[in-house]
């Protein structure tokens, strides 16, 4: 039995779940999310919990059991509280600002980089170097954060670039001066 798949999902107040044949729709205070569900798993809403069970003991059924449970749990969390990613910008002259539905970044290039925010993703900039992304869809949020980081990944010598707040950059020593001759 899947350790993740067998855990029930607690449905908070204000969140409704509609299960149709092959689809699940989760609505809450922040919006609505929908996803397709494999025919190898069953979703059952009983009281304030949702349980995911598999219909058959095949390899595909076992692998989709935990995946489906976690995807639906992320949908429930997203429509109730949402998700957040924090990015830090390090470097002299590196900064960010929000302009409409785009994030304008100065990352040491000869031109400012304009990153259009995907639908459902909001950005806030604190102190010009801390970007907070918020969304209810965890996958879209992660892809947006990865795309912003990819614009200027942190380099190992001075640590300049865009990095996740919890990420630690392995630093390298610079050139050894005057030791050998």
C-alpha atoms as a PDB file:
ATOM      1  CA  UNK A   1       0.000   0.000   0.000  1.00  0.00           C
ATOM      2  CA  UNK A   2       1.267   3.498  -0.819  1.00  0.00           C
ATOM      3  CA  UNK A   3       2.276   5.391   2.306  1.00  0.00           C
ATOM      4  CA  UNK A   4       1.233   8.692   0.763  1.00  0.00           C
ATOM      5  CA  UNK A   5      -1.764   7.375  -1.140  1.00  0.00           C
ATOM      6  CA  UNK A   6      -3.486   5.870   1.896  1.00  0.00           C
ATOM      7  CA  UNK A   7      -3.470   9.138   3.874  1.00  0.00           C
ATOM      8  CA  UNK A   8      -6.856  10.905   3.842  1.00  0.00           C
ATOM      9  CA  UNK A   9      -7.052  14.517   2.689  1.00  0.00           C
ATOM     10  CA  UNK A  10      -8.705  16.871   5.188  1.00  0.00           C
ATOM     11  CA  UNK A  11     -11.063  19.248   3.390  1.00  0.00           C
ATOM     12  CA  UNK A  12     -11.102  22.663   5.133  1.00  0.00           C
ATOM     13  CA  UNK A  13     -14.268  24.702   5.602  1.00  0.00           C
ATOM     14  CA  UNK A  14     -15.204  26.661   2.493  1.00  0.00           C
ATOM     15  CA  UNK A  15     -13.693  24.130   0.082  1.00  0.00           C
ATOM     16  CA  UNK A  16     -15.946  21.957  -2.086  1.00  0.00           C
ATOM     17  CA  UNK A  17     -14.846  18.957  -4.103  1.00  0.00           C
ATOM     18  CA  UNK A  18     -16.808  17.621  -7.077  1.00  0.00           C
ATOM     19  CA  UNK A  19     -15.767  14.226  -8.416  1.00  0.00           C
ATOM     20  CA  UNK A  20     -16.996  13.291 -11.891  1.00  0.00           C
ATOM     21  CA  UNK A  21     -16.044  10.362 -14.098  1.00  0.00           C
ATOM     22  CA  UNK A  22     -12.378  10.983 -14.871  1.00  0.00           C
ATOM     23  CA  UNK A  23     -12.160  14.482 -13.360  1.00  0.00           C
ATOM     24  CA  UNK A  24     -12.025  16.305 -10.041  1.00  0.00           C
ATOM     25  CA  UNK A  25     -12.939  19.948  -9.466  1.00  0.00           C
ATOM     26  CA  UNK A  26     -11.900  21.766  -6.278  1.00  0.00           C
ATOM     27  CA  UNK A  27     -13.406  25.161  -5.402  1.00  0.00           C
ATOM     28  CA  UNK A  28     -12.458  27.421  -2.532  1.00  0.00           C
ATOM     29  CA  UNK A  29     -12.049  31.028  -1.443  1.00  0.00           C
ATOM     30  CA  UNK A  30      -9.103  31.657  -3.796  1.00  0.00           C
ATOM     31  CA  UNK A  31     -10.665  30.123  -6.918  1.00  0.00           C
ATOM     32  CA  UNK A  32     -11.288  26.842  -8.715  1.00  0.00           C
ATOM     33  CA  UNK A  33      -8.883  24.155  -9.937  1.00  0.00           C
ATOM     34  CA  UNK A  34      -9.715  21.112 -12.046  1.00  0.00           C
ATOM     35  CA  UNK A  35      -7.708  18.071 -13.086  1.00  0.00           C
ATOM     36  CA  UNK A  36      -8.170  14.802 -14.924  1.00  0.00           C
ATOM     37  CA  UNK A  37      -8.065  11.625 -12.829  1.00  0.00           C
ATOM     38  CA  UNK A  38      -6.887   8.263 -14.079  1.00  0.00           C
ATOM     39  CA  UNK A  39      -9.493   5.492 -14.274  1.00  0.00           C
ATOM     40  CA  UNK A  40      -7.139   3.337 -12.159  1.00  0.00           C
ATOM     41  CA  UNK A  41      -7.961   5.297  -8.968  1.00  0.00           C
ATOM     42  CA  UNK A  42     -11.185   6.171  -7.129  1.00  0.00           C
ATOM     43  CA  UNK A  43     -11.869   9.371  -5.210  1.00  0.00           C
ATOM     44  CA  UNK A  44     -14.425   9.314  -2.390  1.00  0.00           C
ATOM     45  CA  UNK A  45     -15.597  12.312  -0.351  1.00  0.00           C
ATOM     46  CA  UNK A  46     -16.973  11.292   3.050  1.00  0.00           C
ATOM     47  CA  UNK A  47     -17.718  13.997   5.583  1.00  0.00           C
ATOM     48  CA  UNK A  48     -14.763  16.363   5.764  1.00  0.00           C
ATOM     49  CA  UNK A  49     -12.202  14.025   4.204  1.00  0.00           C
ATOM     50  CA  UNK A  50     -11.340  12.754   0.754  1.00  0.00           C
ATOM     51  CA  UNK A  51      -9.776   9.320   0.269  1.00  0.00           C
ATOM     52  CA  UNK A  52      -7.987   7.965  -2.769  1.00  0.00           C
ATOM     53  CA  UNK A  53      -8.074   4.217  -3.442  1.00  0.00           C
ATOM     54  CA  UNK A  54      -6.792   2.229  -6.351  1.00  0.00           C
ATOM     55  CA  UNK A  55      -9.039  -0.052  -8.385  1.00  0.00           C
ATOM     56  CA  UNK A  56      -6.432  -2.625  -9.352  1.00  0.00           C
ATOM     57  CA  UNK A  57      -3.066  -3.812  -8.086  1.00  0.00           C
ATOM     58  CA  UNK A  58      -1.106  -3.203 -11.288  1.00  0.00           C
ATOM     59  CA  UNK A  59       2.173  -1.347 -11.502  1.00  0.00           C
ATOM     60  CA  UNK A  60       0.439   1.657 -13.076  1.00  0.00           C
ATOM     61  CA  UNK A  61      -2.295   1.625 -10.437  1.00  0.00           C
ATOM     62  CA  UNK A  62       0.232   1.575  -7.615  1.00  0.00           C
ATOM     63  CA  UNK A  63       2.285   4.402  -9.101  1.00  0.00           C
ATOM     64  CA  UNK A  64      -0.770   6.593  -9.746  1.00  0.00           C
ATOM     65  CA  UNK A  65      -2.205   6.071  -6.244  1.00  0.00           C
ATOM     66  CA  UNK A  66       0.183   8.343  -4.331  1.00  0.00           C
ATOM     67  CA  UNK A  67       0.579  10.759  -7.237  1.00  0.00           C
ATOM     68  CA  UNK A  68      -3.159  11.362  -7.539  1.00  0.00           C
ATOM     69  CA  UNK A  69      -3.542  11.812  -3.786  1.00  0.00           C
ATOM     70  CA  UNK A  70      -0.750  14.399  -3.651  1.00  0.00           C
ATOM     71  CA  UNK A  71      -2.016  16.307  -6.707  1.00  0.00           C
ATOM     72  CA  UNK A  72      -5.519  16.565  -5.211  1.00  0.00           C
ATOM     73  CA  UNK A  73      -4.044  17.567  -1.816  1.00  0.00           C
ATOM     74  CA  UNK A  74      -2.085  20.340  -3.558  1.00  0.00           C
ATOM     75  CA  UNK A  75      -5.292  21.507  -5.249  1.00  0.00           C
ATOM     76  CA  UNK A  76      -7.097  21.639  -1.883  1.00  0.00           C
ATOM     77  CA  UNK A  77      -4.232  23.601  -0.303  1.00  0.00           C
ATOM     78  CA  UNK A  78      -4.032  25.905  -3.312  1.00  0.00           C
ATOM     79  CA  UNK A  79      -7.688  26.953  -3.314  1.00  0.00           C
ATOM     80  CA  UNK A  80      -7.734  27.409   0.472  1.00  0.00           C
ATOM     81  CA  UNK A  81      -4.391  29.077   1.347  1.00  0.00           C
ATOM     82  CA  UNK A  82      -2.311  29.151  -1.844  1.00  0.00           C
ATOM     83  CA  UNK A  83       1.394  28.602  -2.393  1.00  0.00           C
ATOM     84  CA  UNK A  84       4.358  30.956  -2.230  1.00  0.00           C
ATOM     85  CA  UNK A  85       7.930  30.973  -3.536  1.00  0.00           C
ATOM     86  CA  UNK A  86      10.554  33.518  -2.524  1.00  0.00           C
ATOM     87  CA  UNK A  87      13.444  34.390  -4.827  1.00  0.00           C
ATOM     88  CA  UNK A  88      16.490  36.449  -3.823  1.00  0.00           C
ATOM     89  CA  UNK A  89      18.518  38.557  -6.243  1.00  0.00           C
ATOM     90  CA  UNK A  90      22.202  39.002  -5.335  1.00  0.00           C
ATOM     91  CA  UNK A  91      24.617  41.273  -7.152  1.00  0.00           C
ATOM     92  CA  UNK A  92      25.590  44.924  -7.440  1.00  0.00           C
ATOM     93  CA  UNK A  93      22.930  46.730  -9.453  1.00  0.00           C
ATOM     94  CA  UNK A  94      20.693  43.666  -9.671  1.00  0.00           C
ATOM     95  CA  UNK A  95      17.072  44.500  -8.873  1.00  0.00           C
ATOM     96  CA  UNK A  96      13.461  43.763  -9.742  1.00  0.00           C
ATOM     97  CA  UNK A  97      10.186  45.637  -9.982  1.00  0.00           C
ATOM     98  CA  UNK A  98       6.636  44.751 -10.920  1.00  0.00           C
ATOM     99  CA  UNK A  99       5.177  46.578 -13.918  1.00  0.00           C
ATOM    100  CA  UNK A 100       1.593  45.516 -14.569  1.00  0.00           C
ATOM    101  CA  UNK A 101       1.499  41.775 -15.309  1.00  0.00           C
ATOM    102  CA  UNK A 102       5.272  41.596 -15.859  1.00  0.00           C
ATOM    103  CA  UNK A 103       8.379  41.458 -13.727  1.00  0.00           C
ATOM    104  CA  UNK A 104      11.166  43.769 -14.902  1.00  0.00           C
ATOM    105  CA  UNK A 105      14.610  42.571 -13.823  1.00  0.00           C
ATOM    106  CA  UNK A 106      18.024  44.248 -14.007  1.00  0.00           C
ATOM    107  CA  UNK A 107      20.421  41.291 -13.966  1.00  0.00           C
ATOM    108  CA  UNK A 108      23.696  42.699 -15.236  1.00  0.00           C
ATOM    109  CA  UNK A 109      22.837  42.476 -18.918  1.00  0.00           C
ATOM    110  CA  UNK A 110      22.951  45.503 -21.243  1.00  0.00           C
ATOM    111  CA  UNK A 111      19.146  45.599 -21.222  1.00  0.00           C
ATOM    112  CA  UNK A 112      16.399  45.043 -18.644  1.00  0.00           C
ATOM    113  CA  UNK A 113      14.820  41.584 -18.747  1.00  0.00           C
ATOM    114  CA  UNK A 114      11.004  41.603 -18.843  1.00  0.00           C
ATOM    115  CA  UNK A 115       9.385  38.390 -17.586  1.00  0.00           C
ATOM    116  CA  UNK A 116       5.622  38.171 -18.268  1.00  0.00           C
ATOM    117  CA  UNK A 117       3.879  36.518 -15.319  1.00  0.00           C
ATOM    118  CA  UNK A 118       1.744  33.462 -16.158  1.00  0.00           C
ATOM    119  CA  UNK A 119      -2.007  33.595 -15.486  1.00  0.00           C
ATOM    120  CA  UNK A 120      -2.764  33.077 -11.807  1.00  0.00           C
ATOM    121  CA  UNK A 121       0.701  34.105 -10.561  1.00  0.00           C
ATOM    122  CA  UNK A 122       1.125  37.343  -8.612  1.00  0.00           C
ATOM    123  CA  UNK A 123       4.468  38.924  -7.745  1.00  0.00           C
ATOM    124  CA  UNK A 124       5.545  41.282  -4.958  1.00  0.00           C
ATOM    125  CA  UNK A 125       8.981  42.869  -4.687  1.00  0.00           C
ATOM    126  CA  UNK A 126      10.483  43.785  -1.308  1.00  0.00           C
ATOM    127  CA  UNK A 127      13.615  45.954  -1.074  1.00  0.00           C
ATOM    128  CA  UNK A 128      14.159  45.528  -4.863  1.00  0.00           C
ATOM    129  CA  UNK A 129      15.996  42.237  -4.276  1.00  0.00           C
ATOM    130  CA  UNK A 130      13.385  39.864  -2.809  1.00  0.00           C
ATOM    131  CA  UNK A 131      10.665  38.625  -5.167  1.00  0.00           C
ATOM    132  CA  UNK A 132       7.675  36.792  -3.681  1.00  0.00           C
ATOM    133  CA  UNK A 133       5.569  34.782  -6.128  1.00  0.00           C
ATOM    134  CA  UNK A 134       2.093  33.602  -5.101  1.00  0.00           C
ATOM    135  CA  UNK A 135      -0.359  31.304  -6.876  1.00  0.00           C
ATOM    136  CA  UNK A 136      -2.952  28.643  -6.156  1.00  0.00           C
ATOM    137  CA  UNK A 137      -1.571  26.179  -8.743  1.00  0.00           C
ATOM    138  CA  UNK A 138       1.663  24.722  -7.370  1.00  0.00           C
ATOM    139  CA  UNK A 139       2.933  23.484 -10.734  1.00  0.00           C
ATOM    140  CA  UNK A 140       2.508  26.832 -12.515  1.00  0.00           C
ATOM    141  CA  UNK A 141       4.165  28.601  -9.569  1.00  0.00           C
ATOM    142  CA  UNK A 142       7.173  26.258  -9.605  1.00  0.00           C
ATOM    143  CA  UNK A 143       7.621  26.594 -13.354  1.00  0.00           C
ATOM    144  CA  UNK A 144       7.492  30.406 -13.131  1.00  0.00           C
ATOM    145  CA  UNK A 145      10.044  30.462 -10.284  1.00  0.00           C
ATOM    146  CA  UNK A 146      12.357  28.130 -12.223  1.00  0.00           C
ATOM    147  CA  UNK A 147      12.070  30.265 -15.369  1.00  0.00           C
ATOM    148  CA  UNK A 148      12.969  33.427 -13.427  1.00  0.00           C
ATOM    149  CA  UNK A 149      15.943  31.682 -11.783  1.00  0.00           C
ATOM    150  CA  UNK A 150      17.099  30.473 -15.207  1.00  0.00           C
ATOM    151  CA  UNK A 151      17.424  34.087 -16.431  1.00  0.00           C
ATOM    152  CA  UNK A 152      20.584  34.467 -14.301  1.00  0.00           C
ATOM    153  CA  UNK A 153      21.468  31.383 -12.219  1.00  0.00           C
ATOM    154  CA  UNK A 154      23.746  32.069  -9.239  1.00  0.00           C
ATOM    155  CA  UNK A 155      27.411  31.668  -9.987  1.00  0.00           C
ATOM    156  CA  UNK A 156      29.727  29.876  -7.519  1.00  0.00           C
ATOM    157  CA  UNK A 157      32.457  32.521  -7.083  1.00  0.00           C
ATOM    158  CA  UNK A 158      30.589  35.591  -5.823  1.00  0.00           C
ATOM    159  CA  UNK A 159      27.058  34.160  -5.597  1.00  0.00           C
ATOM    160  CA  UNK A 160      25.624  36.721  -8.012  1.00  0.00           C
ATOM    161  CA  UNK A 161      22.318  35.824  -9.636  1.00  0.00           C
ATOM    162  CA  UNK A 162      18.759  34.762  -8.823  1.00  0.00           C
ATOM    163  CA  UNK A 163      18.286  31.994  -6.276  1.00  0.00           C
ATOM    164  CA  UNK A 164      15.507  30.474  -4.185  1.00  0.00           C
ATOM    165  CA  UNK A 165      15.416  31.813  -0.621  1.00  0.00           C
ATOM    166  CA  UNK A 166      16.135  28.423   0.986  1.00  0.00           C
ATOM    167  CA  UNK A 167      18.760  27.465  -1.610  1.00  0.00           C
ATOM    168  CA  UNK A 168      22.400  27.435  -0.571  1.00  0.00           C
ATOM    169  CA  UNK A 169      25.039  28.076  -3.198  1.00  0.00           C
ATOM    170  CA  UNK A 170      28.251  26.073  -2.965  1.00  0.00           C
ATOM    171  CA  UNK A 171      30.997  28.638  -3.196  1.00  0.00           C
ATOM    172  CA  UNK A 172      34.359  28.108  -4.851  1.00  0.00           C
ATOM    173  CA  UNK A 173      37.638  29.722  -3.920  1.00  0.00           C
ATOM    174  CA  UNK A 174      39.055  32.192  -6.400  1.00  0.00           C
ATOM    175  CA  UNK A 175      42.558  32.086  -7.851  1.00  0.00           C
ATOM    176  CA  UNK A 176      45.424  31.388  -5.477  1.00  0.00           C
ATOM    177  CA  UNK A 177      47.743  34.403  -5.724  1.00  0.00           C
ATOM    178  CA  UNK A 178      51.531  34.318  -5.287  1.00  0.00           C
ATOM    179  CA  UNK A 179      51.873  30.757  -4.009  1.00  0.00           C
ATOM    180  CA  UNK A 180      53.670  29.180  -6.940  1.00  0.00           C
ATOM    181  CA  UNK A 181      56.470  30.640  -9.035  1.00  0.00           C
END
